[in-house]
N, C-alpha and C. Protein backbone atom coordinates (compact mmCIF):
# COMPACT_ATOMS: atom_id res chain seq x y z
N MET A 1 0.58 -18.95 9.67
CA MET A 1 1.90 -19.30 10.64
C MET A 1 1.72 -18.09 11.72
N THR A 2 2.02 -18.14 12.69
CA THR A 2 2.19 -17.56 14.01
C THR A 2 3.51 -17.38 14.56
N PHE A 3 3.54 -16.79 15.28
CA PHE A 3 4.97 -15.86 16.16
C PHE A 3 4.69 -15.75 17.61
N CYS A 4 6.25 -15.76 18.18
CA CYS A 4 5.69 -14.82 19.30
C CYS A 4 6.55 -13.62 19.40
N ILE A 5 6.17 -12.71 20.14
CA ILE A 5 6.79 -11.42 20.19
C ILE A 5 5.98 -10.80 21.58
N ASP A 6 7.14 -10.21 22.44
CA ASP A 6 6.52 -9.99 24.18
C ASP A 6 5.82 -11.02 24.50
N ASN A 7 6.23 -12.35 24.49
CA ASN A 7 5.29 -13.09 25.02
C ASN A 7 4.18 -13.57 24.41
N ALA A 8 3.97 -13.23 23.45
CA ALA A 8 1.79 -12.95 23.06
C ALA A 8 2.24 -13.75 21.05
N GLN A 9 1.65 -14.78 21.18
CA GLN A 9 1.53 -15.60 20.03
C GLN A 9 0.70 -14.27 19.02
N GLN A 10 1.25 -14.34 17.46
CA GLN A 10 0.77 -12.88 16.98
C GLN A 10 0.73 -14.01 15.88
N PRO A 11 -0.53 -13.74 14.39
CA PRO A 11 -0.66 -14.37 12.98
C PRO A 11 0.82 -13.46 12.31
N LEU A 12 1.11 -14.29 11.38
CA LEU A 12 2.29 -13.84 10.50
C LEU A 12 2.48 -14.23 8.98
N ILE A 13 2.20 -12.98 8.35
CA ILE A 13 2.11 -13.12 6.79
C ILE A 13 3.82 -12.64 6.54
N ILE A 14 4.36 -13.11 5.93
CA ILE A 14 5.44 -12.67 5.37
C ILE A 14 5.49 -12.53 3.56
N ASP A 15 5.66 -11.63 3.32
CA ASP A 15 5.77 -11.10 1.87
C ASP A 15 6.93 -10.78 1.50
N SER A 16 7.30 -11.79 0.45
CA SER A 16 8.79 -11.86 0.23
C SER A 16 9.36 -10.09 -0.98
N VAL A 17 8.53 -9.66 -1.11
CA VAL A 17 8.81 -8.08 -1.84
C VAL A 17 8.78 -7.11 -1.42
N ALA A 18 8.31 -7.18 0.00
CA ALA A 18 7.93 -6.05 1.02
C ALA A 18 9.46 -5.13 0.93
N HIS A 19 9.87 -3.83 0.85
CA HIS A 19 10.97 -3.09 0.98
C HIS A 19 11.12 -2.87 2.80
N PHE A 20 9.88 -2.71 3.47
CA PHE A 20 9.61 -2.42 4.60
C PHE A 20 8.85 -2.86 5.16
N SER A 21 8.70 -3.84 6.78
CA SER A 21 8.21 -4.25 7.65
C SER A 21 7.06 -2.46 8.14
N ILE A 22 5.83 -2.76 7.70
CA ILE A 22 5.13 -1.88 7.91
C ILE A 22 4.37 -1.94 9.65
N VAL A 23 3.69 -1.59 10.16
CA VAL A 23 2.83 -1.99 11.09
C VAL A 23 1.84 -0.34 11.62
N ALA A 24 0.21 -0.65 11.46
CA ALA A 24 -0.80 0.03 12.00
C ALA A 24 -0.58 0.84 13.73
N ARG A 25 -0.30 1.87 13.78
CA ARG A 25 -0.32 2.59 14.95
C ARG A 25 -1.65 1.77 16.08
N ASN A 26 -3.04 1.61 15.27
CA ASN A 26 -3.56 0.82 16.11
C ASN A 26 -3.74 -0.37 16.34
N LEU A 27 -2.79 -1.35 15.83
CA LEU A 27 -2.42 -2.62 15.80
C LEU A 27 -1.25 -2.94 17.11
N LEU A 28 -0.43 -1.88 17.30
CA LEU A 28 0.22 -1.78 18.61
C LEU A 28 -0.47 -1.52 19.79
N ASP A 29 -1.52 -0.37 19.98
CA ASP A 29 -2.35 0.26 20.80
C ASP A 29 -3.44 -0.96 21.16
N ASN A 30 -3.50 -1.82 20.48
CA ASN A 30 -4.44 -3.32 21.24
C ASN A 30 -3.23 -4.16 21.55
N HIS A 31 -2.39 -4.41 20.88
CA HIS A 31 -1.43 -5.22 21.55
C HIS A 31 -0.25 -5.01 22.57
N PHE A 32 0.48 -3.69 22.61
CA PHE A 32 1.58 -3.61 22.91
C PHE A 32 1.42 -2.29 23.38
N PRO A 33 0.50 -1.87 24.22
CA PRO A 33 -0.22 -0.60 24.86
C PRO A 33 1.20 0.16 25.26
N ASN A 34 2.72 -0.04 26.04
CA ASN A 34 3.61 0.91 25.92
C ASN A 34 4.60 0.72 25.08
N TRP A 35 4.25 0.68 23.26
CA TRP A 35 5.00 0.58 22.75
C TRP A 35 5.84 2.43 22.33
N GLU A 36 4.59 3.55 22.83
CA GLU A 36 5.48 4.64 22.39
C GLU A 36 6.85 4.91 22.83
N ASN A 37 6.77 4.57 24.25
CA ASN A 37 8.46 4.16 24.83
C ASN A 37 9.54 3.91 24.48
N GLN A 38 9.55 2.77 23.09
CA GLN A 38 9.59 2.04 22.37
C GLN A 38 10.71 2.59 21.20
N LEU A 39 9.83 3.88 21.01
CA LEU A 39 10.08 4.14 19.30
C LEU A 39 11.26 5.46 19.17
N LEU A 40 12.00 4.74 18.09
CA LEU A 40 12.67 5.16 17.24
C LEU A 40 12.81 6.27 16.10
N PRO A 41 13.83 7.02 15.85
CA PRO A 41 13.27 8.00 14.01
C PRO A 41 13.39 6.83 13.15
N THR A 42 12.42 7.39 12.28
CA THR A 42 12.50 6.68 10.90
C THR A 42 13.41 7.22 9.92
N LYS A 43 14.12 6.45 9.36
CA LYS A 43 15.35 6.94 8.49
C LYS A 43 14.68 7.65 7.57
N GLU A 44 13.86 6.20 6.58
CA GLU A 44 12.93 6.90 5.37
C GLU A 44 12.21 7.52 5.83
N LYS A 45 11.84 8.70 4.98
CA LYS A 45 10.55 9.69 5.31
C LYS A 45 9.23 9.84 4.64
N ASN A 46 9.70 9.05 3.70
CA ASN A 46 8.38 9.60 2.42
C ASN A 46 7.93 7.67 2.06
N PHE A 47 6.65 8.13 2.64
CA PHE A 47 6.17 6.38 2.33
C PHE A 47 4.69 6.94 1.64
N LYS A 48 4.61 5.94 0.56
CA LYS A 48 3.27 6.37 -0.23
C LYS A 48 2.08 5.46 -0.23
N SER A 49 1.23 5.78 -0.74
CA SER A 49 -0.19 4.15 -0.98
C SER A 49 -0.66 4.75 -2.42
N ALA A 50 -1.37 4.30 -2.38
CA ALA A 50 -2.78 3.96 -3.81
C ALA A 50 -3.71 5.46 -2.83
N SER A 51 -3.69 5.58 -2.10
CA SER A 51 -4.43 6.53 -1.73
C SER A 51 -4.08 8.08 -1.50
N GLY A 52 -2.75 7.64 -1.28
CA GLY A 52 -2.04 8.92 -0.68
C GLY A 52 -1.14 8.92 -0.21
N LYS A 53 -0.30 10.42 0.39
CA LYS A 53 0.79 10.08 1.62
C LYS A 53 1.13 9.79 2.85
N MET A 54 1.36 8.92 3.47
CA MET A 54 0.97 8.40 4.72
C MET A 54 2.10 8.57 5.59
N THR A 55 2.17 9.11 6.71
CA THR A 55 2.82 9.76 7.80
C THR A 55 3.54 8.78 8.76
N SER A 56 4.74 8.62 8.97
CA SER A 56 5.23 7.65 9.54
C SER A 56 5.79 8.44 10.86
N ILE A 57 5.53 7.89 11.52
CA ILE A 57 5.16 8.31 13.20
C ILE A 57 7.20 7.90 13.49
N GLY A 58 7.70 6.94 13.15
CA GLY A 58 9.00 6.28 13.77
C GLY A 58 9.26 5.14 13.77
N THR A 59 9.89 4.00 13.87
CA THR A 59 10.32 3.02 14.01
C THR A 59 10.18 2.29 15.18
N ILE A 60 10.45 0.86 15.23
CA ILE A 60 10.24 0.07 16.38
C ILE A 60 10.53 -1.59 16.63
N VAL A 61 11.88 -1.74 17.24
CA VAL A 61 12.37 -2.83 16.74
C VAL A 61 11.62 -4.14 18.31
N LYS A 62 11.31 -5.23 17.20
CA LYS A 62 10.53 -6.20 18.16
C LYS A 62 11.09 -7.30 17.71
N VAL A 63 11.88 -8.31 19.05
CA VAL A 63 12.60 -9.62 18.85
C VAL A 63 11.07 -10.34 18.34
N MET A 64 11.19 -11.21 17.59
CA MET A 64 10.36 -11.85 16.73
C MET A 64 10.86 -13.33 16.69
N ILE A 65 9.80 -14.56 17.70
CA ILE A 65 10.63 -15.65 17.58
C ILE A 65 9.78 -17.00 16.69
N ILE A 66 9.74 -16.98 15.41
CA ILE A 66 9.18 -18.04 14.84
C ILE A 66 9.32 -19.46 15.02
N PRO A 67 8.26 -20.21 15.83
CA PRO A 67 8.92 -21.37 16.37
C PRO A 67 8.52 -22.55 14.80
N HIS A 68 9.96 -23.33 15.31
CA HIS A 68 10.33 -24.70 13.95
C HIS A 68 10.40 -25.78 14.95
N ARG A 69 10.68 -26.86 14.19
CA ARG A 69 10.99 -27.94 15.16
C ARG A 69 12.22 -27.96 15.17
N LYS A 70 13.06 -27.43 14.62
CA LYS A 70 14.64 -27.85 14.35
C LYS A 70 15.21 -26.76 14.69
N GLY A 71 14.58 -26.16 15.50
CA GLY A 71 14.70 -25.42 16.31
C GLY A 71 14.19 -23.22 15.97
N ASN A 72 14.19 -22.84 16.97
CA ASN A 72 13.35 -21.41 16.61
C ASN A 72 14.43 -20.46 16.14
N ILE A 73 13.77 -19.54 15.04
CA ILE A 73 14.55 -18.29 14.36
C ILE A 73 14.06 -17.07 15.52
N ARG A 74 15.50 -16.83 15.50
CA ARG A 74 14.72 -15.12 16.09
C ARG A 74 15.06 -13.91 15.08
N LEU A 75 14.54 -13.34 14.87
CA LEU A 75 14.70 -11.88 14.06
C LEU A 75 14.62 -10.87 15.65
N ASN A 76 14.94 -9.91 14.53
CA ASN A 76 14.83 -8.32 15.70
C ASN A 76 14.52 -7.57 14.13
N PRO A 77 13.15 -7.67 13.87
CA PRO A 77 12.78 -6.93 12.50
C PRO A 77 12.67 -5.38 13.28
N GLU A 78 12.59 -4.35 12.51
CA GLU A 78 12.33 -2.77 12.41
C GLU A 78 10.96 -2.50 11.25
N PHE A 79 9.94 -2.47 12.39
CA PHE A 79 8.90 -1.64 12.05
C PHE A 79 8.86 -0.53 11.95
N VAL A 80 8.42 -0.14 10.68
CA VAL A 80 8.17 1.34 10.78
C VAL A 80 6.43 1.43 10.52
N VAL A 81 5.99 2.21 12.04
CA VAL A 81 4.71 2.74 12.61
C VAL A 81 4.02 3.76 11.66
N LEU A 82 3.35 3.53 11.08
CA LEU A 82 2.13 4.59 10.21
C LEU A 82 0.78 4.90 10.64
N ASP A 83 0.74 6.40 10.93
CA ASP A 83 -0.62 6.76 10.89
C ASP A 83 -2.02 5.97 10.04
N ASP A 84 -3.02 5.85 10.43
CA ASP A 84 -3.92 4.54 10.51
C ASP A 84 -4.05 5.70 9.23
N ALA A 85 -4.36 4.99 7.85
CA ALA A 85 -4.90 5.82 6.67
C ALA A 85 -6.39 5.87 6.64
N SER A 86 -6.51 7.19 6.26
CA SER A 86 -7.69 7.87 6.00
C SER A 86 -8.70 6.62 4.93
N ILE A 87 -9.68 6.32 5.68
CA ILE A 87 -10.52 5.69 4.11
C ILE A 87 -10.92 6.60 3.12
N GLN A 88 -11.50 7.22 3.66
CA GLN A 88 -11.96 8.26 2.51
C GLN A 88 -10.43 8.72 1.61
N ASP A 89 -11.22 8.87 0.59
CA ASP A 89 -10.25 9.37 -0.72
C ASP A 89 -9.77 10.76 -0.91
N PRO A 90 -8.66 11.14 -0.69
CA PRO A 90 -8.49 12.52 -0.86
C PRO A 90 -9.36 13.23 -1.52
N PRO A 91 -9.89 12.96 -3.22
CA PRO A 91 -10.44 13.33 -4.04
C PRO A 91 -11.90 13.41 -3.00
N GLU A 92 -12.40 12.94 -2.71
CA GLU A 92 -14.20 12.88 -2.56
C GLU A 92 -14.29 13.34 -0.97
N GLU A 93 -12.79 13.35 -0.44
CA GLU A 93 -12.65 14.63 0.96
C GLU A 93 -12.99 16.18 0.34
N LEU A 94 -12.49 16.51 -0.95
CA LEU A 94 -12.42 18.05 -1.49
C LEU A 94 -14.01 18.22 -1.53
N LEU A 95 -14.65 17.23 -2.54
CA LEU A 95 -16.17 17.14 -2.79
C LEU A 95 -16.99 17.68 -1.39
N ASN A 96 -16.58 16.52 -0.33
CA ASN A 96 -17.58 17.01 0.26
C ASN A 96 -16.69 18.39 0.99
N LYS A 97 -15.70 18.82 1.20
CA LYS A 97 -15.49 19.84 2.05
C LYS A 97 -15.93 21.20 0.97
N PHE A 98 -15.68 20.80 -0.47
CA PHE A 98 -16.61 22.17 -1.09
C PHE A 98 -17.62 22.04 -1.68
N ARG A 99 -18.34 20.95 -1.60
CA ARG A 99 -19.87 20.12 -2.20
C ARG A 99 -20.62 21.65 -2.26
N GLU A 100 -20.93 22.50 -1.75
CA GLU A 100 -22.16 23.70 -1.64
C GLU A 100 -21.55 24.87 -1.61
N GLY A 101 -21.25 25.26 -3.01
CA GLY A 101 -20.82 26.88 -3.47
C GLY A 101 -21.33 28.04 -2.88
N GLN A 102 -20.99 29.13 -2.45
CA GLN A 102 -21.68 30.32 -2.12
C GLN A 102 -20.97 31.36 -2.71
N PHE A 103 -22.10 32.42 -2.83
CA PHE A 103 -21.22 33.35 -3.06
C PHE A 103 -20.42 34.03 -2.47
N SER A 104 -19.45 34.66 -3.03
CA SER A 104 -18.96 35.52 -1.77
C SER A 104 -19.54 36.61 -1.21
N THR A 105 -19.25 37.13 -0.03
CA THR A 105 -20.36 38.79 0.66
C THR A 105 -20.20 40.14 0.39
N THR A 106 -19.04 39.81 -0.68
CA THR A 106 -18.55 41.32 -1.56
C THR A 106 -19.37 41.52 -2.93
N PHE A 107 -20.03 40.22 -3.37
CA PHE A 107 -20.16 40.24 -4.36
C PHE A 107 -21.64 41.38 -3.94
N ASN A 108 -22.39 42.11 -5.32
CA ASN A 108 -23.45 43.39 -5.33
C ASN A 108 -25.11 41.90 -6.03
N SER A 109 -25.85 42.42 -5.62
CA SER A 109 -27.20 41.99 -6.57
C SER A 109 -26.80 41.33 -8.24
N LYS A 110 -26.68 42.80 -8.61
CA LYS A 110 -26.34 42.68 -10.05
C LYS A 110 -25.08 41.29 -10.07
N GLN A 111 -24.14 41.51 -10.09
CA GLN A 111 -23.34 40.58 -9.91
C GLN A 111 -23.73 38.98 -9.93
N LYS A 112 -24.12 38.87 -8.41
CA LYS A 112 -25.24 37.58 -8.08
C LYS A 112 -25.70 37.19 -9.18
N LEU A 113 -26.74 37.77 -9.74
CA LEU A 113 -27.01 37.76 -11.03
C LEU A 113 -27.16 37.32 -12.17
N SER A 114 -26.16 38.16 -12.56
CA SER A 114 -24.88 37.29 -13.76
C SER A 114 -24.33 35.96 -13.36
N LEU A 115 -24.22 35.72 -12.08
CA LEU A 115 -23.38 34.64 -11.83
C LEU A 115 -24.27 33.65 -12.02
N LEU A 116 -25.45 33.65 -11.97
CA LEU A 116 -26.42 32.63 -11.69
C LEU A 116 -26.92 32.47 -13.07
N LYS A 117 -26.85 33.10 -14.24
CA LYS A 117 -27.19 33.28 -15.35
C LYS A 117 -26.31 32.29 -16.19
N MET A 118 -24.95 32.66 -15.64
CA MET A 118 -23.76 32.18 -16.36
C MET A 118 -23.81 30.96 -15.90
N GLN A 119 -23.90 30.22 -14.96
CA GLN A 119 -24.27 28.82 -13.91
C GLN A 119 -25.00 28.08 -15.20
N GLY A 120 -26.89 28.79 -15.08
CA GLY A 120 -27.51 28.23 -15.92
C GLY A 120 -27.30 28.02 -17.32
N GLU A 121 -26.74 29.09 -18.08
CA GLU A 121 -26.09 28.94 -19.16
C GLU A 121 -25.27 27.21 -19.61
N TYR A 122 -23.86 27.45 -18.27
CA TYR A 122 -22.95 26.50 -18.33
C TYR A 122 -23.43 25.58 -17.62
N ARG A 123 -24.30 25.15 -17.33
CA ARG A 123 -24.91 23.81 -16.52
C ARG A 123 -23.79 22.73 -16.18
N PRO A 124 -23.88 21.98 -17.63
CA PRO A 124 -22.85 20.74 -17.44
C PRO A 124 -21.77 21.01 -16.74
N ALA A 125 -20.88 21.96 -17.14
CA ALA A 125 -19.89 22.34 -16.77
C ALA A 125 -19.57 21.99 -14.94
N PHE A 126 -20.95 22.00 -14.36
CA PHE A 126 -20.96 22.64 -13.33
C PHE A 126 -21.46 21.18 -12.14
N ALA A 127 -20.38 20.75 -11.56
CA ALA A 127 -21.15 19.86 -10.46
C ALA A 127 -22.09 19.93 -9.59
N ILE A 128 -22.74 18.99 -9.55
CA ILE A 128 -23.96 19.13 -8.69
C ILE A 128 -24.25 17.66 -7.30
N SER A 129 -24.96 17.51 -6.59
CA SER A 129 -24.88 16.08 -5.87
C SER A 129 -25.19 15.18 -6.92
N GLU A 130 -25.73 15.04 -7.62
CA GLU A 130 -25.76 13.70 -8.42
C GLU A 130 -25.25 13.37 -9.29
N GLU A 131 -24.32 14.60 -9.72
CA GLU A 131 -23.03 14.11 -10.71
C GLU A 131 -22.03 15.42 -10.13
N PRO A 132 -21.00 14.47 -9.16
CA PRO A 132 -20.22 15.46 -8.72
C PRO A 132 -18.86 15.31 -9.62
N LEU A 133 -19.20 15.08 -10.45
CA LEU A 133 -17.77 15.68 -11.20
C LEU A 133 -18.09 16.39 -12.40
N GLY A 134 -19.24 16.48 -12.86
CA GLY A 134 -20.10 17.05 -13.79
C GLY A 134 -20.21 16.88 -15.01
N LYS A 135 -20.76 17.45 -16.47
CA LYS A 135 -21.08 16.42 -17.28
C LYS A 135 -19.50 17.13 -18.59
N ILE A 136 -18.17 17.09 -18.17
CA ILE A 136 -17.61 17.69 -18.86
C ILE A 136 -17.19 16.75 -19.67
N ARG A 137 -17.42 16.42 -21.29
CA ARG A 137 -16.43 15.42 -22.13
C ARG A 137 -15.66 15.85 -23.11
N GLY A 138 -14.92 14.87 -23.23
CA GLY A 138 -13.91 15.26 -24.43
C GLY A 138 -12.01 14.77 -23.61
N HIS A 139 -12.34 14.59 -22.07
CA HIS A 139 -10.87 14.65 -21.51
C HIS A 139 -10.98 12.98 -21.23
N ASP A 140 -12.01 11.58 -21.81
CA ASP A 140 -11.76 10.63 -21.69
C ASP A 140 -10.77 9.76 -22.38
N ILE A 141 -10.03 8.94 -21.77
CA ILE A 141 -9.01 8.20 -21.78
C ILE A 141 -9.13 6.48 -22.38
N GLU A 142 -9.16 6.23 -23.43
CA GLU A 142 -9.06 5.16 -23.72
C GLU A 142 -7.65 3.95 -23.75
N LEU A 143 -7.58 3.35 -23.14
CA LEU A 143 -6.27 1.90 -23.11
C LEU A 143 -7.23 0.96 -23.88
N TYR A 144 -5.61 0.92 -24.83
CA TYR A 144 -5.36 -0.56 -24.87
C TYR A 144 -4.81 -1.89 -24.87
N VAL A 145 -4.87 -2.63 -24.18
CA VAL A 145 -3.77 -3.74 -23.21
C VAL A 145 -3.68 -4.79 -24.16
N ASP A 146 -2.59 -4.59 -24.93
CA ASP A 146 -2.36 -6.01 -25.66
C ASP A 146 -2.17 -7.30 -25.33
N VAL A 147 -2.12 -8.21 -25.16
CA VAL A 147 -2.15 -9.78 -24.84
C VAL A 147 -1.68 -10.70 -25.31
N GLU A 148 -1.71 -10.41 -26.38
CA GLU A 148 -1.34 -10.80 -27.99
C GLU A 148 0.12 -11.01 -28.01
N ARG A 149 1.11 -12.33 -28.42
CA ARG A 149 2.24 -11.81 -28.87
C ARG A 149 2.39 -11.12 -30.06
N PRO A 150 3.30 -10.58 -30.14
CA PRO A 150 4.97 -10.59 -29.11
C PRO A 150 4.49 -9.37 -27.97
N TYR A 151 4.93 -9.84 -26.94
CA TYR A 151 4.55 -8.85 -25.20
C TYR A 151 5.12 -7.93 -25.00
N PRO A 152 4.60 -6.80 -24.66
CA PRO A 152 5.71 -5.44 -24.28
C PRO A 152 6.63 -6.49 -23.94
N PRO A 153 8.15 -5.35 -24.60
CA PRO A 153 8.88 -6.06 -23.40
C PRO A 153 9.21 -6.34 -22.19
N MET A 154 8.77 -5.17 -21.32
CA MET A 154 8.58 -5.30 -20.05
C MET A 154 7.56 -6.47 -19.66
N LEU A 155 6.53 -6.63 -20.05
CA LEU A 155 5.90 -7.97 -19.72
C LEU A 155 6.67 -9.30 -19.59
N GLY A 156 7.95 -9.72 -20.81
CA GLY A 156 8.84 -10.67 -21.57
C GLY A 156 9.76 -10.67 -20.50
N ARG A 157 10.05 -9.57 -19.91
CA ARG A 157 11.40 -9.76 -19.09
C ARG A 157 11.45 -10.25 -17.95
N PRO A 158 12.78 -11.94 -17.57
CA PRO A 158 12.48 -12.53 -16.30
C PRO A 158 12.15 -11.62 -14.92
N PRO A 159 11.46 -11.87 -13.43
CA PRO A 159 11.44 -11.01 -12.67
C PRO A 159 12.69 -10.78 -11.83
N TYR A 160 13.87 -11.04 -12.39
CA TYR A 160 15.28 -11.32 -11.75
C TYR A 160 16.45 -11.20 -12.44
N PRO A 161 17.46 -10.60 -12.78
CA PRO A 161 18.72 -11.08 -13.37
C PRO A 161 19.20 -12.31 -13.63
N GLU A 162 19.26 -12.86 -15.17
CA GLU A 162 19.69 -13.78 -15.70
C GLU A 162 21.12 -13.99 -15.47
N SER A 163 21.60 -14.73 -14.29
CA SER A 163 23.26 -14.22 -13.78
C SER A 163 22.80 -15.65 -13.61
N LEU A 164 23.95 -16.46 -13.32
CA LEU A 164 25.13 -17.39 -12.59
C LEU A 164 25.00 -16.86 -11.39
N GLU A 165 25.22 -15.97 -10.73
CA GLU A 165 25.40 -15.99 -9.42
C GLU A 165 24.09 -15.78 -8.75
N THR A 166 23.31 -15.31 -9.58
CA THR A 166 22.10 -15.29 -9.24
C THR A 166 21.18 -16.45 -8.99
N ARG A 167 21.54 -16.65 -9.77
CA ARG A 167 20.77 -18.37 -9.93
C ARG A 167 21.09 -19.04 -9.08
N LYS A 168 22.76 -19.45 -8.47
CA LYS A 168 23.13 -19.91 -7.47
C LYS A 168 22.31 -19.20 -6.06
N GLU A 169 21.95 -18.11 -5.52
CA GLU A 169 21.73 -17.67 -4.29
C GLU A 169 20.48 -17.80 -4.48
N ILE A 170 19.34 -17.90 -5.21
CA ILE A 170 17.82 -18.31 -5.61
C ILE A 170 18.02 -19.73 -5.21
N GLU A 171 18.51 -21.05 -5.71
CA GLU A 171 19.07 -22.14 -5.32
C GLU A 171 19.52 -22.63 -4.42
N LYS A 172 19.82 -21.57 -3.14
CA LYS A 172 21.00 -21.35 -1.67
C LYS A 172 19.94 -21.35 -1.37
N HIS A 173 18.70 -20.08 -1.69
CA HIS A 173 17.44 -20.08 -1.01
C HIS A 173 17.06 -20.84 -0.80
N ILE A 174 16.38 -21.63 -2.06
CA ILE A 174 15.21 -22.40 -1.61
C ILE A 174 15.42 -23.85 -1.19
N ASN A 175 16.97 -24.20 -1.03
CA ASN A 175 17.19 -25.28 -0.59
C ASN A 175 17.26 -25.15 1.07
N GLU A 176 17.34 -23.73 1.34
CA GLU A 176 17.10 -23.65 3.39
C GLU A 176 16.08 -23.56 3.07
N LEU A 177 14.96 -22.99 2.76
CA LEU A 177 13.62 -23.21 2.67
C LEU A 177 13.04 -24.36 2.68
N LEU A 178 13.21 -25.41 1.63
CA LEU A 178 13.18 -26.85 2.35
C LEU A 178 13.90 -27.79 2.89
N GLU A 179 14.92 -27.82 3.39
CA GLU A 179 15.26 -27.92 4.68
C GLU A 179 14.44 -27.65 6.15
N MET A 180 14.35 -26.51 5.78
CA MET A 180 13.29 -26.12 7.17
C MET A 180 12.15 -26.14 7.10
N ASP A 181 11.61 -26.86 6.08
CA ASP A 181 10.41 -27.28 5.62
C ASP A 181 8.66 -25.65 5.63
N PHE A 182 9.95 -24.56 5.14
CA PHE A 182 8.80 -23.78 4.56
C PHE A 182 8.22 -23.97 3.56
N ILE A 183 8.58 -24.35 2.80
CA ILE A 183 8.10 -24.87 1.41
C ILE A 183 8.16 -26.15 0.97
N ARG A 184 8.05 -26.93 0.18
CA ARG A 184 8.12 -28.28 0.18
C ARG A 184 7.47 -28.51 -1.63
N SER A 185 8.30 -29.31 -2.06
CA SER A 185 7.97 -29.65 -3.32
C SER A 185 6.65 -30.48 -3.44
N ILE A 186 5.91 -30.74 -4.02
CA ILE A 186 4.24 -31.35 -4.57
C ILE A 186 4.46 -31.79 -5.95
N GLY A 187 3.95 -32.80 -6.23
CA GLY A 187 3.61 -33.75 -7.60
C GLY A 187 4.30 -33.86 -8.31
N HIS A 188 4.59 -33.57 -9.41
CA HIS A 188 5.95 -34.35 -10.60
C HIS A 188 6.35 -33.28 -10.07
N ASN A 189 6.71 -32.32 -9.40
CA ASN A 189 8.34 -31.59 -9.37
C ASN A 189 9.19 -32.07 -8.41
N GLN A 190 8.36 -33.13 -7.57
CA GLN A 190 10.02 -33.45 -6.64
C GLN A 190 11.16 -34.24 -6.88
N SER A 191 10.97 -35.07 -8.14
CA SER A 191 12.09 -35.21 -8.52
C SER A 191 12.36 -34.63 -9.72
N ILE A 192 12.06 -33.59 -9.80
CA ILE A 192 12.54 -32.38 -10.58
C ILE A 192 13.98 -31.88 -9.95
N ALA A 193 15.56 -31.56 -10.40
CA ALA A 193 16.56 -30.79 -9.70
C ALA A 193 16.15 -29.32 -9.76
N ILE A 194 16.62 -28.54 -8.71
CA ILE A 194 16.33 -27.06 -9.38
C ILE A 194 17.12 -26.51 -10.28
């Protein structure tokens, strides 16, 4: 699906479970060169991803027009602008930063020799370039995922609370989406009432 923003066609992906609409600084630089003049402070400060903490620069409000044959839809979403994430894993960065250990300049030759002997004796405990995590054993984790019935309580629970009001709201939302042709019934489900 495409939408218009600042008189330019842009691709759009709708994520129904997202809390925030997030946009990368790189994308704004490419498509909207003067975006920094429209930047507002961010209400929520902490954003995290699987690779670590993400830094928010601010919030930007853009008018979006989604074309539709029954009338265009105009939205005013707030986009949280984030610094582009580092591609490297934080643990990987630490390994690269401290890859080659060096002796302190305060060590005398006798201390350096005893440290080298100790490293030779306990060699499996030290990381080397071929084995960046060393050969330490005994901290392995074994997970067993049960996919047989009865399911764990969290997996058996419905994705939304089972109440009459919630069901009515969901039905209303589905009917609106059907009328606007955002979704459609297919196959044998066409004749089934929601």
